[in-house]
């Protein structure tokens, strides 16, 4: 049940973040990755990360709410979520481990925002 609720929350946050229109793209010739910054209507960054040249999400992605507060951080490899992802929900942080683009485990960390800000 917890996985379903978290998955629905992630989907909702992703759809909100991806609904933003303003976007900056820049090719990093050293890494061969396309650097992306998307903005909320108020001008604050909604998310930033990179795509590979095939157009797949690749590398670290960070999402922010419309107040500039971090709401998620994680990595993609060739379009698939991988490794540890962090989701900030009020004063708590959820740590989600992905394997082969699927949730492998979920760990709730209560009142550890400062610790998670280092991620």
Protein backbone atom coordinates (compact mmCIF):
# COMPACT_ATOMS: atom_id res chain seq x y z
CA UNK A 1 0.00 0.00 0.00
CA UNK A 2 2.84 2.41 0.86
CA UNK A 3 4.43 1.76 -2.53
CA UNK A 4 1.17 2.56 -4.31
CA UNK A 5 0.70 5.83 -2.40
CA UNK A 6 4.31 6.84 -3.02
CA UNK A 7 4.04 5.91 -6.70
CA UNK A 8 0.89 8.04 -7.07
CA UNK A 9 2.63 10.94 -5.31
CA UNK A 10 5.63 10.61 -7.62
CA UNK A 11 3.39 10.50 -10.69
CA UNK A 12 1.49 13.58 -9.53
CA UNK A 13 4.70 15.52 -8.85
CA UNK A 14 6.15 14.44 -12.19
CA UNK A 15 3.04 15.53 -14.11
CA UNK A 16 3.02 18.89 -12.33
CA UNK A 17 6.71 19.42 -13.01
CA UNK A 18 6.46 18.34 -16.65
CA UNK A 19 3.51 20.67 -17.30
CA UNK A 20 5.82 23.68 -17.21
CA UNK A 21 6.52 25.42 -20.54
CA UNK A 22 9.68 27.52 -20.20
CA UNK A 23 12.78 25.47 -20.95
CA UNK A 24 16.49 26.10 -21.59
CA UNK A 25 18.56 23.52 -23.49
CA UNK A 26 22.34 23.49 -23.84
CA UNK A 27 24.61 20.84 -25.35
CA UNK A 28 27.59 20.04 -23.13
CA UNK A 29 30.21 19.01 -25.68
CA UNK A 30 32.47 17.49 -23.01
CA UNK A 31 29.82 15.05 -21.77
CA UNK A 32 27.70 14.80 -24.95
CA UNK A 33 24.64 15.43 -22.78
CA UNK A 34 21.91 18.01 -23.26
CA UNK A 35 21.56 20.12 -20.12
CA UNK A 36 17.97 21.14 -19.37
CA UNK A 37 16.46 23.74 -17.06
CA UNK A 38 12.69 24.12 -16.86
CA UNK A 39 10.98 26.99 -15.07
CA UNK A 40 7.75 27.62 -13.21
CA UNK A 41 5.56 30.51 -14.36
CA UNK A 42 7.05 32.62 -11.55
CA UNK A 43 10.56 32.23 -13.04
CA UNK A 44 11.96 29.81 -10.45
CA UNK A 45 13.51 26.55 -11.64
CA UNK A 46 11.06 23.65 -11.65
CA UNK A 47 13.63 21.02 -12.61
CA UNK A 48 17.08 20.55 -14.02
CA UNK A 49 18.94 17.60 -15.42
CA UNK A 50 20.34 16.09 -18.59
CA UNK A 51 19.28 14.05 -21.61
CA UNK A 52 21.51 11.84 -23.72
CA UNK A 53 21.69 12.45 -27.47
CA UNK A 54 18.94 9.85 -28.02
CA UNK A 55 16.56 12.07 -26.03
CA UNK A 56 16.46 9.84 -22.95
CA UNK A 57 16.72 11.19 -19.40
CA UNK A 58 20.29 10.49 -18.33
CA UNK A 59 22.18 11.63 -15.23
CA UNK A 60 21.03 13.50 -12.15
CA UNK A 61 17.63 15.24 -12.09
CA UNK A 62 16.43 17.62 -9.39
CA UNK A 63 12.87 18.99 -9.10
CA UNK A 64 11.68 22.03 -7.15
CA UNK A 65 8.26 23.33 -6.15
CA UNK A 66 7.11 26.82 -7.14
CA UNK A 67 8.69 28.24 -3.94
CA UNK A 68 12.14 26.96 -4.96
CA UNK A 69 12.20 24.13 -2.40
CA UNK A 70 13.70 20.83 -3.49
CA UNK A 71 11.07 18.10 -3.84
CA UNK A 72 12.99 15.28 -5.52
CA UNK A 73 16.44 14.23 -6.60
CA UNK A 74 17.62 11.12 -8.39
CA UNK A 75 19.41 9.69 -11.40
CA UNK A 76 18.50 8.16 -14.72
CA UNK A 77 20.55 5.89 -16.96
CA UNK A 78 19.31 5.79 -20.55
CA UNK A 79 15.78 6.77 -19.54
CA UNK A 80 15.45 4.47 -16.52
CA UNK A 81 15.40 5.50 -12.87
CA UNK A 82 18.30 3.99 -11.01
CA UNK A 83 19.85 4.04 -7.56
CA UNK A 84 18.66 6.12 -4.62
CA UNK A 85 16.06 8.81 -5.13
CA UNK A 86 15.02 11.31 -2.46
CA UNK A 87 11.55 12.85 -2.10
CA UNK A 88 11.03 15.75 0.29
CA UNK A 89 7.53 15.79 1.82
CA UNK A 90 7.22 18.55 4.43
CA UNK A 91 9.66 17.77 7.25
CA UNK A 92 10.25 14.23 6.12
CA UNK A 93 12.28 12.66 3.35
CA UNK A 94 11.50 9.43 1.56
CA UNK A 95 14.44 7.48 0.22
CA UNK A 96 13.45 5.20 -2.65
CA UNK A 97 15.84 2.68 -4.19
CA UNK A 98 15.28 1.90 -7.87
CA UNK A 99 16.50 -1.17 -9.72
CA UNK A 100 15.77 -1.69 -13.42
CA UNK A 101 13.36 1.28 -13.36
CA UNK A 102 11.23 -0.30 -10.61
CA UNK A 103 10.96 0.48 -6.91
CA UNK A 104 13.16 -1.96 -5.00
CA UNK A 105 12.74 -0.44 -1.51
CA UNK A 106 11.35 2.57 0.34
CA UNK A 107 12.76 4.07 3.51
CA UNK A 108 11.01 6.90 5.35
CA UNK A 109 13.37 9.27 7.13
CA UNK A 110 11.49 11.57 9.50
CA UNK A 111 12.75 15.05 10.35
CA UNK A 112 16.06 14.55 8.58
CA UNK A 113 15.74 17.41 6.10
CA UNK A 114 19.21 18.82 6.83
CA UNK A 115 20.81 15.44 6.26
CA UNK A 116 18.91 14.93 3.02
CA UNK A 117 19.75 18.44 1.77
CA UNK A 118 23.28 17.16 1.34
CA UNK A 119 21.97 14.81 -1.35
